[in-house]
Amino acid sequence: MSNVQIKIEREEEFEKFLAIRDFEVTSLGESVYKIVRGDELPVFVNISDKTLYFEVDLGNVSEFADKDFYFKLLDLNTEILPVSFGINNSNPDDPRLVLVETRETKSLDDHELLCVFDALELAVDKAESILSAFIKKS
């Protein structure tokens, strides 16, 4: 008998879907969630009607950031797709280096959502190598 695969589709609420898959989900209010898997950095997710916005805070780098540092980050953006580096400047006194990604909520499937978390995890690993090199210099 051949191996027959059956695809099953079902819908699951966002928080429950992640909790079932061993993510710790904390609602921070106003459609913002802090999501942690194991010992990884937290992923903050802002949910709007049409978009999920993902952000991982890598810290304030203004103490050592220079032209070479930002060039390396921009160059690394091509390797860490679909996520990318950015600056969260919502507090001008404390600009933060972040990893970001967005997804539309319409027709979002489980594989697509989990792939974002995997991509963020891999990007954090790559960022750590660059950050550690520049922190040692300063």
C-alpha atoms as a PDB file:
ATOM      1  CA  MET A   1       0.000   0.000   0.000  1.00  0.00           C
ATOM      2  CA  SER A   2       1.365   3.424  -0.910  1.00  0.00           C
ATOM      3  CA  ASN A   3       1.822   6.181   1.659  1.00  0.00           C
ATOM      4  CA  VAL A   4      -1.233   8.399   1.237  1.00  0.00           C
ATOM      5  CA  GLN A   5      -1.065  11.861   2.832  1.00  0.00           C
ATOM      6  CA  ILE A   6      -4.200  13.693   3.854  1.00  0.00           C
ATOM      7  CA  LYS A   7      -4.126  17.464   4.242  1.00  0.00           C
ATOM      8  CA  ILE A   8      -6.363  18.739   7.016  1.00  0.00           C
ATOM      9  CA  GLU A   9      -7.259  22.405   7.348  1.00  0.00           C
ATOM     10  CA  ARG A  10      -8.736  23.926  10.450  1.00  0.00           C
ATOM     11  CA  GLU A  11      -8.728  27.338  12.037  1.00  0.00           C
ATOM     12  CA  GLU A  12      -7.261  28.069  15.444  1.00  0.00           C
ATOM     13  CA  GLU A  13      -7.198  31.203  17.590  1.00  0.00           C
ATOM     14  CA  PHE A  14      -3.774  32.942  17.523  1.00  0.00           C
ATOM     15  CA  GLU A  15      -2.863  32.600  21.219  1.00  0.00           C
ATOM     16  CA  LYS A  16      -4.089  29.009  21.483  1.00  0.00           C
ATOM     17  CA  PHE A  17      -2.275  27.976  18.284  1.00  0.00           C
ATOM     18  CA  LEU A  18       1.044  29.237  19.654  1.00  0.00           C
ATOM     19  CA  ALA A  19       0.489  27.880  23.175  1.00  0.00           C
ATOM     20  CA  ILE A  20      -0.156  24.383  21.787  1.00  0.00           C
ATOM     21  CA  ARG A  21       3.239  24.610  20.062  1.00  0.00           C
ATOM     22  CA  ASP A  22       5.112  25.471  23.291  1.00  0.00           C
ATOM     23  CA  PHE A  23       5.235  29.237  22.866  1.00  0.00           C
ATOM     24  CA  GLU A  24       4.611  31.329  25.965  1.00  0.00           C
ATOM     25  CA  VAL A  25       2.115  34.030  24.974  1.00  0.00           C
ATOM     26  CA  THR A  26       1.521  37.106  27.126  1.00  0.00           C
ATOM     27  CA  SER A  27      -1.017  39.758  26.175  1.00  0.00           C
ATOM     28  CA  LEU A  28       0.380  43.235  26.798  1.00  0.00           C
ATOM     29  CA  GLY A  29      -2.911  44.931  25.905  1.00  0.00           C
ATOM     30  CA  GLU A  30      -3.997  46.914  22.857  1.00  0.00           C
ATOM     31  CA  SER A  31      -3.442  43.917  20.514  1.00  0.00           C
ATOM     32  CA  VAL A  32       0.240  43.555  21.476  1.00  0.00           C
ATOM     33  CA  TYR A  33       1.648  40.199  22.537  1.00  0.00           C
ATOM     34  CA  LYS A  34       4.983  39.075  23.931  1.00  0.00           C
ATOM     35  CA  ILE A  35       5.802  35.619  22.595  1.00  0.00           C
ATOM     36  CA  VAL A  36       8.675  33.495  23.862  1.00  0.00           C
ATOM     37  CA  ARG A  37       9.843  30.061  22.747  1.00  0.00           C
ATOM     38  CA  GLY A  38      12.356  28.337  25.009  1.00  0.00           C
ATOM     39  CA  ASP A  39      15.347  30.525  25.755  1.00  0.00           C
ATOM     40  CA  GLU A  40      14.977  32.673  22.624  1.00  0.00           C
ATOM     41  CA  LEU A  41      14.568  36.450  22.722  1.00  0.00           C
ATOM     42  CA  PRO A  42      10.954  37.574  23.018  1.00  0.00           C
ATOM     43  CA  VAL A  43       9.052  38.392  19.856  1.00  0.00           C
ATOM     44  CA  PHE A  44       6.576  41.237  20.160  1.00  0.00           C
ATOM     45  CA  VAL A  45       3.580  40.966  17.865  1.00  0.00           C
ATOM     46  CA  ASN A  46       1.164  43.795  17.168  1.00  0.00           C
ATOM     47  CA  ILE A  47      -2.047  42.594  15.557  1.00  0.00           C
ATOM     48  CA  SER A  48      -4.186  44.925  13.484  1.00  0.00           C
ATOM     49  CA  ASP A  49      -7.222  44.105  11.356  1.00  0.00           C
ATOM     50  CA  LYS A  50      -5.099  43.245   8.325  1.00  0.00           C
ATOM     51  CA  THR A  51      -1.508  42.820   9.525  1.00  0.00           C
ATOM     52  CA  LEU A  52       0.676  41.033  12.042  1.00  0.00           C
ATOM     53  CA  TYR A  53       3.784  43.096  12.840  1.00  0.00           C
ATOM     54  CA  PHE A  54       6.656  41.118  14.425  1.00  0.00           C
ATOM     55  CA  GLU A  55       9.568  42.760  16.256  1.00  0.00           C
ATOM     56  CA  VAL A  56      12.571  41.435  18.192  1.00  0.00           C
ATOM     57  CA  ASP A  57      14.470  44.014  20.253  1.00  0.00           C
ATOM     58  CA  LEU A  58      18.238  43.561  19.954  1.00  0.00           C
ATOM     59  CA  GLY A  59      19.082  46.561  22.136  1.00  0.00           C
ATOM     60  CA  ASN A  60      20.479  50.048  21.919  1.00  0.00           C
ATOM     61  CA  VAL A  61      23.561  50.054  19.702  1.00  0.00           C
ATOM     62  CA  SER A  62      24.213  53.807  19.538  1.00  0.00           C
ATOM     63  CA  GLU A  63      27.256  53.489  21.812  1.00  0.00           C
ATOM     64  CA  PHE A  64      29.282  51.569  19.218  1.00  0.00           C
ATOM     65  CA  ALA A  65      27.328  51.788  15.961  1.00  0.00           C
ATOM     66  CA  ASP A  66      29.219  53.346  13.102  1.00  0.00           C
ATOM     67  CA  LYS A  67      29.100  53.357   9.316  1.00  0.00           C
ATOM     68  CA  ASP A  68      30.799  49.934   9.132  1.00  0.00           C
ATOM     69  CA  PHE A  69      28.338  48.418  11.619  1.00  0.00           C
ATOM     70  CA  TYR A  70      25.283  49.654   9.736  1.00  0.00           C
ATOM     71  CA  PHE A  71      26.781  48.530   6.423  1.00  0.00           C
ATOM     72  CA  LYS A  72      27.263  45.004   7.813  1.00  0.00           C
ATOM     73  CA  LEU A  73      23.657  44.945   9.043  1.00  0.00           C
ATOM     74  CA  LEU A  74      22.289  46.117   5.703  1.00  0.00           C
ATOM     75  CA  ASP A  75      24.431  43.567   3.906  1.00  0.00           C
ATOM     76  CA  LEU A  76      23.171  40.850   6.259  1.00  0.00           C
ATOM     77  CA  ASN A  77      19.563  41.795   5.415  1.00  0.00           C
ATOM     78  CA  THR A  78      19.964  39.879   2.154  1.00  0.00           C
ATOM     79  CA  GLU A  79      20.812  36.711   4.115  1.00  0.00           C
ATOM     80  CA  ILE A  80      18.051  36.852   6.712  1.00  0.00           C
ATOM     81  CA  LEU A  81      15.032  37.289   4.469  1.00  0.00           C
ATOM     82  CA  PRO A  82      12.074  37.399   5.017  1.00  0.00           C
ATOM     83  CA  VAL A  83      12.951  39.338   8.203  1.00  0.00           C
ATOM     84  CA  SER A  84      15.085  42.465   8.229  1.00  0.00           C
ATOM     85  CA  PHE A  85      16.969  44.818  10.534  1.00  0.00           C
ATOM     86  CA  GLY A  86      15.490  48.155  11.419  1.00  0.00           C
ATOM     87  CA  ILE A  87      15.663  50.912  14.007  1.00  0.00           C
ATOM     88  CA  ASN A  88      12.773  51.452  16.396  1.00  0.00           C
ATOM     89  CA  ASN A  89      12.985  55.153  17.140  1.00  0.00           C
ATOM     90  CA  SER A  90       9.663  55.448  19.006  1.00  0.00           C
ATOM     91  CA  ASN A  91      11.723  56.713  21.973  1.00  0.00           C
ATOM     92  CA  PRO A  92      14.275  59.110  20.413  1.00  0.00           C
ATOM     93  CA  ASP A  93      16.392  58.950  23.591  1.00  0.00           C
ATOM     94  CA  ASP A  94      16.698  55.168  23.286  1.00  0.00           C
ATOM     95  CA  PRO A  95      16.785  54.025  19.641  1.00  0.00           C
ATOM     96  CA  ARG A  96      16.655  50.234  19.394  1.00  0.00           C
ATOM     97  CA  LEU A  97      18.081  47.844  16.819  1.00  0.00           C
ATOM     98  CA  VAL A  98      15.259  45.473  15.917  1.00  0.00           C
ATOM     99  CA  LEU A  99      14.411  42.606  13.637  1.00  0.00           C
ATOM    100  CA  VAL A 100      11.063  43.080  11.924  1.00  0.00           C
ATOM    101  CA  GLU A 101       8.631  41.232   9.713  1.00  0.00           C
ATOM    102  CA  THR A 102       4.981  41.585   8.738  1.00  0.00           C
ATOM    103  CA  ARG A 103       2.303  39.200   7.525  1.00  0.00           C
ATOM    104  CA  GLU A 104      -1.207  39.782   6.312  1.00  0.00           C
ATOM    105  CA  THR A 105      -3.846  38.204   8.533  1.00  0.00           C
ATOM    106  CA  LYS A 106      -5.994  37.132   5.599  1.00  0.00           C
ATOM    107  CA  SER A 107      -5.343  33.485   4.697  1.00  0.00           C
ATOM    108  CA  LEU A 108      -2.480  33.151   7.169  1.00  0.00           C
ATOM    109  CA  ASP A 109      -1.626  29.477   7.529  1.00  0.00           C
ATOM    110  CA  ASP A 110       0.193  27.629  10.297  1.00  0.00           C
ATOM    111  CA  HIS A 111       3.328  26.957   8.271  1.00  0.00           C
ATOM    112  CA  GLU A 112       3.683  30.613   7.284  1.00  0.00           C
ATOM    113  CA  LEU A 113       3.311  31.814  10.872  1.00  0.00           C
ATOM    114  CA  LEU A 114       5.772  29.297  12.294  1.00  0.00           C
ATOM    115  CA  CYS A 115       8.279  30.117   9.541  1.00  0.00           C
ATOM    116  CA  VAL A 116       8.355  33.745  10.709  1.00  0.00           C
ATOM    117  CA  PHE A 117       9.391  32.645  14.202  1.00  0.00           C
ATOM    118  CA  ASP A 118      12.039  30.326  12.745  1.00  0.00           C
ATOM    119  CA  ALA A 119      13.385  33.095  10.496  1.00  0.00           C
ATOM    120  CA  LEU A 120      13.558  35.505  13.441  1.00  0.00           C
ATOM    121  CA  GLU A 121      15.436  32.901  15.493  1.00  0.00           C
ATOM    122  CA  LEU A 122      18.008  32.372  12.735  1.00  0.00           C
ATOM    123  CA  ALA A 123      18.382  36.127  12.224  1.00  0.00           C
ATOM    124  CA  VAL A 124      19.011  36.653  15.952  1.00  0.00           C
ATOM    125  CA  ASP A 125      21.846  34.115  15.758  1.00  0.00           C
ATOM    126  CA  LYS A 126      23.426  35.980  12.842  1.00  0.00           C
ATOM    127  CA  ALA A 127      22.934  39.332  14.577  1.00  0.00           C
ATOM    128  CA  GLU A 128      24.622  38.060  17.727  1.00  0.00           C
ATOM    129  CA  SER A 129      27.828  37.344  15.824  1.00  0.00           C
ATOM    130  CA  ILE A 130      27.964  40.873  14.404  1.00  0.00           C
ATOM    131  CA  LEU A 131      26.944  42.495  17.681  1.00  0.00           C
ATOM    132  CA  SER A 132      29.543  40.581  19.706  1.00  0.00           C
ATOM    133  CA  ALA A 133      32.309  41.628  17.305  1.00  0.00           C
ATOM    134  CA  PHE A 134      31.369  45.310  17.557  1.00  0.00           C
ATOM    135  CA  ILE A 135      30.821  45.227  21.316  1.00  0.00           C
ATOM    136  CA  LYS A 136      34.330  43.817  21.785  1.00  0.00           C
ATOM    137  CA  LYS A 137      35.746  46.735  19.752  1.00  0.00           C
ATOM    138  CA  SER A 138      34.117  49.366  21.947  1.00  0.00           C
END
